[in-house]
Amino acid sequence: MTTPASTPGADRIVQDYDLDAPPQKVWRAISIPELRAHWLPAADLAAAEPASVTPGRELSYRMREQAPPFTESLVTFTIAPNTTGGTRLRVVHRRMAAANDRSGAMMRAA
């Protein structure tokens, strides 16, 4: 595994990893709940099911911080074969509004 390259942004962090494992093995580690729980516990997820899935290629999970302000984020894992027979794993962590954020517009009944 190589050291990740990180690209910070105002609302996201992008990290790229080159792994020795083949893409099929990496896919299993991110998509099968019992395997994923070894490195990403279900308690850190805002929902048990993935937010989106492109089988064998990309998977997104919604996450929520356990303490106020309960900020939510969307973490997307994208895998592709790399040039050495392993896997290029890209992790994009996008910050979303806090679950208790009331700064946005609110609808009112007439």
N, C-alpha and C. Protein backbone atom coordinates (compact mmCIF):
# COMPACT_ATOMS: atom_id res chain seq x y z
N MET A 1 0.85 -1.17 0.00
CA MET A 1 0.00 0.00 0.00
C MET A 1 0.89 1.23 0.00
N THR A 2 0.52 2.22 -0.77
CA THR A 2 1.27 3.46 -0.79
C THR A 2 0.63 4.48 0.13
N THR A 3 1.37 5.48 0.48
CA THR A 3 0.84 6.56 1.29
C THR A 3 -0.21 7.31 0.49
N PRO A 4 -1.34 7.66 1.12
CA PRO A 4 -2.40 8.32 0.36
C PRO A 4 -2.02 9.72 -0.07
N ALA A 5 -2.50 10.08 -1.24
CA ALA A 5 -2.40 11.46 -1.71
C ALA A 5 -3.70 12.13 -1.32
N SER A 6 -3.63 13.23 -0.60
CA SER A 6 -4.84 13.89 -0.13
C SER A 6 -4.99 15.23 -0.82
N THR A 7 -6.20 15.50 -1.28
CA THR A 7 -6.53 16.77 -1.90
C THR A 7 -7.64 17.41 -1.08
N PRO A 8 -7.30 18.35 -0.19
CA PRO A 8 -8.35 18.97 0.61
C PRO A 8 -9.15 19.98 -0.20
N GLY A 9 -10.40 20.11 0.15
CA GLY A 9 -11.27 21.11 -0.47
C GLY A 9 -12.10 21.75 0.62
N ALA A 10 -12.89 22.72 0.25
CA ALA A 10 -13.71 23.41 1.24
C ALA A 10 -14.69 22.45 1.91
N ASP A 11 -15.22 21.50 1.16
CA ASP A 11 -16.22 20.61 1.71
C ASP A 11 -15.90 19.14 1.48
N ARG A 12 -14.68 18.84 1.06
CA ARG A 12 -14.34 17.44 0.80
C ARG A 12 -12.86 17.16 0.97
N ILE A 13 -12.57 15.89 1.19
CA ILE A 13 -11.20 15.39 1.24
C ILE A 13 -11.14 14.22 0.27
N VAL A 14 -10.13 14.21 -0.59
CA VAL A 14 -9.95 13.13 -1.55
C VAL A 14 -8.63 12.44 -1.23
N GLN A 15 -8.68 11.10 -1.08
CA GLN A 15 -7.47 10.33 -0.82
C GLN A 15 -7.40 9.18 -1.81
N ASP A 16 -6.21 8.97 -2.39
CA ASP A 16 -5.98 7.88 -3.32
C ASP A 16 -4.98 6.91 -2.72
N TYR A 17 -5.28 5.62 -2.83
CA TYR A 17 -4.42 4.56 -2.31
C TYR A 17 -4.15 3.55 -3.42
N ASP A 18 -2.95 3.04 -3.51
CA ASP A 18 -2.64 1.90 -4.36
C ASP A 18 -2.47 0.70 -3.44
N LEU A 19 -3.32 -0.31 -3.64
CA LEU A 19 -3.33 -1.50 -2.80
C LEU A 19 -2.79 -2.70 -3.59
N ASP A 20 -2.16 -3.63 -2.89
CA ASP A 20 -1.64 -4.84 -3.52
C ASP A 20 -2.75 -5.83 -3.87
N ALA A 21 -3.87 -5.75 -3.22
CA ALA A 21 -4.98 -6.70 -3.41
C ALA A 21 -5.69 -6.44 -4.74
N PRO A 22 -6.23 -7.51 -5.35
CA PRO A 22 -6.99 -7.33 -6.60
C PRO A 22 -8.32 -6.62 -6.33
N PRO A 23 -8.89 -5.96 -7.35
CA PRO A 23 -10.14 -5.22 -7.17
C PRO A 23 -11.28 -6.04 -6.55
N GLN A 24 -11.40 -7.32 -6.91
CA GLN A 24 -12.48 -8.14 -6.37
C GLN A 24 -12.37 -8.27 -4.85
N LYS A 25 -11.17 -8.40 -4.34
CA LYS A 25 -10.97 -8.53 -2.89
C LYS A 25 -11.27 -7.21 -2.18
N VAL A 26 -10.85 -6.10 -2.76
CA VAL A 26 -11.13 -4.78 -2.18
C VAL A 26 -12.64 -4.53 -2.20
N TRP A 27 -13.31 -4.90 -3.29
CA TRP A 27 -14.76 -4.72 -3.37
C TRP A 27 -15.46 -5.46 -2.23
N ARG A 28 -15.03 -6.69 -1.99
CA ARG A 28 -15.63 -7.47 -0.90
C ARG A 28 -15.43 -6.75 0.44
N ALA A 29 -14.25 -6.19 0.66
CA ALA A 29 -13.95 -5.53 1.93
C ALA A 29 -14.79 -4.27 2.16
N ILE A 30 -15.21 -3.61 1.10
CA ILE A 30 -16.01 -2.39 1.27
C ILE A 30 -17.50 -2.65 1.16
N SER A 31 -17.91 -3.77 0.56
CA SER A 31 -19.33 -3.98 0.29
C SER A 31 -20.02 -5.01 1.17
N ILE A 32 -19.29 -5.93 1.76
CA ILE A 32 -19.89 -6.94 2.62
C ILE A 32 -19.86 -6.43 4.07
N PRO A 33 -21.04 -6.22 4.67
CA PRO A 33 -21.10 -5.60 6.00
C PRO A 33 -20.20 -6.25 7.05
N GLU A 34 -20.12 -7.58 7.08
CA GLU A 34 -19.29 -8.25 8.09
C GLU A 34 -17.81 -7.97 7.88
N LEU A 35 -17.37 -7.80 6.66
CA LEU A 35 -15.97 -7.46 6.38
C LEU A 35 -15.73 -5.97 6.58
N ARG A 36 -16.68 -5.15 6.12
CA ARG A 36 -16.55 -3.70 6.27
C ARG A 36 -16.47 -3.28 7.74
N ALA A 37 -17.18 -4.01 8.60
CA ALA A 37 -17.23 -3.66 10.03
C ALA A 37 -15.87 -3.72 10.71
N HIS A 38 -14.91 -4.44 10.13
CA HIS A 38 -13.56 -4.51 10.70
C HIS A 38 -12.85 -3.16 10.63
N TRP A 39 -13.17 -2.34 9.67
CA TRP A 39 -12.50 -1.04 9.52
C TRP A 39 -13.47 0.14 9.50
N LEU A 40 -14.75 -0.12 9.32
CA LEU A 40 -15.77 0.94 9.35
C LEU A 40 -16.98 0.41 10.09
N PRO A 41 -17.03 0.63 11.41
CA PRO A 41 -18.12 0.08 12.23
C PRO A 41 -19.49 0.64 11.83
N ALA A 42 -20.51 -0.19 11.94
CA ALA A 42 -21.87 0.22 11.62
C ALA A 42 -22.32 1.41 12.47
N ALA A 43 -21.78 1.54 13.68
CA ALA A 43 -22.16 2.65 14.56
C ALA A 43 -21.78 4.01 13.98
N ASP A 44 -20.80 4.04 13.06
CA ASP A 44 -20.39 5.30 12.44
C ASP A 44 -21.25 5.67 11.24
N LEU A 45 -22.10 4.76 10.81
CA LEU A 45 -22.93 4.99 9.64
C LEU A 45 -24.25 5.65 10.02
N ALA A 46 -24.75 6.54 9.17
CA ALA A 46 -26.06 7.16 9.40
C ALA A 46 -27.17 6.21 8.96
N ALA A 47 -26.85 5.28 8.07
CA ALA A 47 -27.82 4.29 7.59
C ALA A 47 -27.08 2.98 7.34
N ALA A 48 -27.75 1.87 7.60
CA ALA A 48 -27.11 0.57 7.44
C ALA A 48 -26.82 0.24 5.98
N GLU A 49 -27.70 0.68 5.09
CA GLU A 49 -27.53 0.39 3.66
C GLU A 49 -26.71 1.48 2.99
N PRO A 50 -25.97 1.13 1.94
CA PRO A 50 -25.22 2.14 1.20
C PRO A 50 -26.16 3.19 0.59
N ALA A 51 -25.67 4.40 0.46
CA ALA A 51 -26.45 5.47 -0.18
C ALA A 51 -26.54 5.26 -1.68
N SER A 52 -25.49 4.68 -2.27
CA SER A 52 -25.50 4.34 -3.70
C SER A 52 -24.48 3.25 -3.96
N VAL A 53 -24.73 2.48 -5.02
CA VAL A 53 -23.84 1.38 -5.38
C VAL A 53 -23.77 1.26 -6.89
N THR A 54 -22.56 1.20 -7.42
CA THR A 54 -22.30 0.76 -8.78
C THR A 54 -21.49 -0.51 -8.61
N PRO A 55 -22.12 -1.68 -8.73
CA PRO A 55 -21.46 -2.94 -8.37
C PRO A 55 -20.07 -3.12 -8.97
N GLY A 56 -19.14 -3.49 -8.09
CA GLY A 56 -17.77 -3.74 -8.50
C GLY A 56 -16.94 -2.51 -8.77
N ARG A 57 -17.54 -1.31 -8.63
CA ARG A 57 -16.82 -0.09 -8.98
C ARG A 57 -16.89 1.02 -7.93
N GLU A 58 -18.10 1.32 -7.43
CA GLU A 58 -18.24 2.46 -6.53
C GLU A 58 -19.34 2.22 -5.50
N LEU A 59 -19.08 2.71 -4.30
CA LEU A 59 -20.00 2.51 -3.18
C LEU A 59 -19.94 3.74 -2.28
N SER A 60 -21.10 4.25 -1.86
CA SER A 60 -21.15 5.42 -0.97
C SER A 60 -21.92 5.08 0.30
N TYR A 61 -21.42 5.60 1.42
CA TYR A 61 -22.09 5.45 2.71
C TYR A 61 -22.33 6.83 3.30
N ARG A 62 -23.48 7.02 3.94
CA ARG A 62 -23.73 8.23 4.72
C ARG A 62 -23.21 7.96 6.13
N MET A 63 -22.49 8.92 6.66
CA MET A 63 -21.96 8.80 8.01
C MET A 63 -22.44 9.98 8.84
N ARG A 64 -22.53 9.78 10.15
CA ARG A 64 -22.95 10.85 11.06
C ARG A 64 -22.07 10.81 12.29
N GLU A 65 -21.57 11.98 12.68
CA GLU A 65 -20.79 12.07 13.91
C GLU A 65 -21.68 11.74 15.09
N GLN A 66 -21.11 11.15 16.13
CA GLN A 66 -21.88 10.72 17.29
C GLN A 66 -22.09 11.83 18.31
N ALA A 67 -21.41 12.97 18.15
CA ALA A 67 -21.52 14.08 19.09
C ALA A 67 -21.99 15.35 18.36
N PRO A 68 -22.61 16.28 19.08
CA PRO A 68 -23.05 17.53 18.46
C PRO A 68 -21.88 18.20 17.74
N PRO A 69 -22.11 18.78 16.60
CA PRO A 69 -23.40 19.10 15.98
C PRO A 69 -23.94 18.00 15.07
N PHE A 70 -23.49 16.73 15.23
CA PHE A 70 -23.99 15.59 14.47
C PHE A 70 -23.85 15.80 12.96
N THR A 71 -22.69 16.27 12.55
CA THR A 71 -22.42 16.53 11.14
C THR A 71 -22.51 15.24 10.33
N GLU A 72 -23.16 15.32 9.19
CA GLU A 72 -23.25 14.18 8.29
C GLU A 72 -22.29 14.36 7.14
N SER A 73 -21.84 13.24 6.60
CA SER A 73 -20.97 13.27 5.44
C SER A 73 -21.30 12.09 4.54
N LEU A 74 -20.88 12.20 3.30
CA LEU A 74 -21.03 11.13 2.34
C LEU A 74 -19.63 10.68 1.97
N VAL A 75 -19.34 9.41 2.19
CA VAL A 75 -18.03 8.86 1.88
C VAL A 75 -18.19 7.90 0.71
N THR A 76 -17.49 8.20 -0.39
CA THR A 76 -17.58 7.39 -1.60
C THR A 76 -16.25 6.68 -1.84
N PHE A 77 -16.34 5.36 -2.06
CA PHE A 77 -15.18 4.52 -2.33
C PHE A 77 -15.27 4.10 -3.80
N THR A 78 -14.24 4.42 -4.58
CA THR A 78 -14.19 4.03 -5.98
C THR A 78 -12.97 3.15 -6.18
N ILE A 79 -13.16 2.00 -6.83
CA ILE A 79 -12.04 1.10 -7.07
C ILE A 79 -11.85 0.89 -8.57
N ALA A 80 -10.57 0.67 -8.95
CA ALA A 80 -10.22 0.38 -10.33
C ALA A 80 -8.90 -0.38 -10.31
N PRO A 81 -8.66 -1.21 -11.31
CA PRO A 81 -7.36 -1.89 -11.38
C PRO A 81 -6.24 -0.85 -11.53
N ASN A 82 -5.10 -1.12 -10.90
CA ASN A 82 -3.95 -0.24 -11.12
C ASN A 82 -2.95 -0.93 -12.05
N THR A 83 -1.85 -0.29 -12.33
CA THR A 83 -0.89 -0.81 -13.32
C THR A 83 -0.05 -1.97 -12.80
N THR A 84 -0.10 -2.26 -11.49
CA THR A 84 0.73 -3.33 -10.93
C THR A 84 -0.07 -4.59 -10.63
N GLY A 85 -1.32 -4.65 -11.06
CA GLY A 85 -2.16 -5.81 -10.81
C GLY A 85 -2.96 -5.71 -9.52
N GLY A 86 -2.82 -4.61 -8.82
CA GLY A 86 -3.57 -4.37 -7.60
C GLY A 86 -4.76 -3.47 -7.86
N THR A 87 -5.05 -2.63 -6.89
CA THR A 87 -6.24 -1.78 -6.95
C THR A 87 -5.89 -0.34 -6.60
N ARG A 88 -6.46 0.58 -7.36
CA ARG A 88 -6.44 2.00 -6.99
C ARG A 88 -7.74 2.26 -6.27
N LEU A 89 -7.66 2.68 -5.01
CA LEU A 89 -8.83 3.00 -4.19
C LEU A 89 -8.86 4.50 -3.97
N ARG A 90 -9.95 5.12 -4.37
CA ARG A 90 -10.14 6.55 -4.12
C ARG A 90 -11.24 6.69 -3.09
N VAL A 91 -10.98 7.48 -2.06
CA VAL A 91 -11.94 7.76 -1.00
C VAL A 91 -12.23 9.26 -1.03
N VAL A 92 -13.49 9.61 -1.24
CA VAL A 92 -13.92 11.01 -1.25
C VAL A 92 -14.88 11.19 -0.09
N HIS A 93 -14.49 12.07 0.82
CA HIS A 93 -15.29 12.34 2.03
C HIS A 93 -15.86 13.75 1.88
N ARG A 94 -17.19 13.83 1.66
CA ARG A 94 -17.86 15.13 1.47
C ARG A 94 -18.68 15.47 2.70
N ARG A 95 -18.45 16.64 3.22
CA ARG A 95 -19.20 17.11 4.38
C ARG A 95 -20.58 17.59 3.94
N MET A 96 -21.56 17.25 4.76
CA MET A 96 -22.93 17.68 4.51
C MET A 96 -23.37 18.51 5.71
N ALA A 97 -24.58 19.00 5.71
CA ALA A 97 -25.10 19.80 6.82
C ALA A 97 -25.25 18.94 8.07
N ALA A 98 -25.13 19.56 9.22
CA ALA A 98 -25.36 18.87 10.48
C ALA A 98 -26.82 18.46 10.58
N ALA A 99 -27.06 17.32 11.23
CA ALA A 99 -28.43 16.82 11.36
C ALA A 99 -29.33 17.79 12.10
N ASN A 100 -28.74 18.61 12.98
CA ASN A 100 -29.54 19.56 13.74
C ASN A 100 -29.32 21.00 13.29
N ASP A 101 -28.84 21.18 12.06
CA ASP A 101 -28.58 22.51 11.52
C ASP A 101 -29.90 23.17 11.16
N ARG A 102 -30.17 24.29 11.74
CA ARG A 102 -31.41 25.01 11.47
C ARG A 102 -31.15 26.32 10.73
N SER A 103 -29.98 26.40 10.11
CA SER A 103 -29.63 27.65 9.42
C SER A 103 -30.28 27.78 8.06
N GLY A 104 -30.78 26.69 7.50
CA GLY A 104 -31.39 26.73 6.19
C GLY A 104 -32.81 27.27 6.25
N ALA A 105 -33.39 27.44 5.08
CA ALA A 105 -34.75 27.94 5.01
C ALA A 105 -35.72 26.91 5.58
N MET A 106 -36.72 27.39 6.26
CA MET A 106 -37.73 26.51 6.83
C MET A 106 -39.07 26.81 6.17
N MET A 107 -39.86 25.79 5.94
CA MET A 107 -41.19 25.98 5.39
C MET A 107 -42.17 26.21 6.53
N ARG A 108 -43.11 27.09 6.33
CA ARG A 108 -44.12 27.37 7.33
C ARG A 108 -45.49 27.19 6.73
N ALA A 109 -46.38 26.70 7.54
CA ALA A 109 -47.75 26.52 7.08
C ALA A 109 -48.43 27.89 7.05
N ALA A 110 -49.31 28.06 6.07
CA ALA A 110 -50.02 29.35 5.94
C ALA A 110 -51.17 29.42 6.89
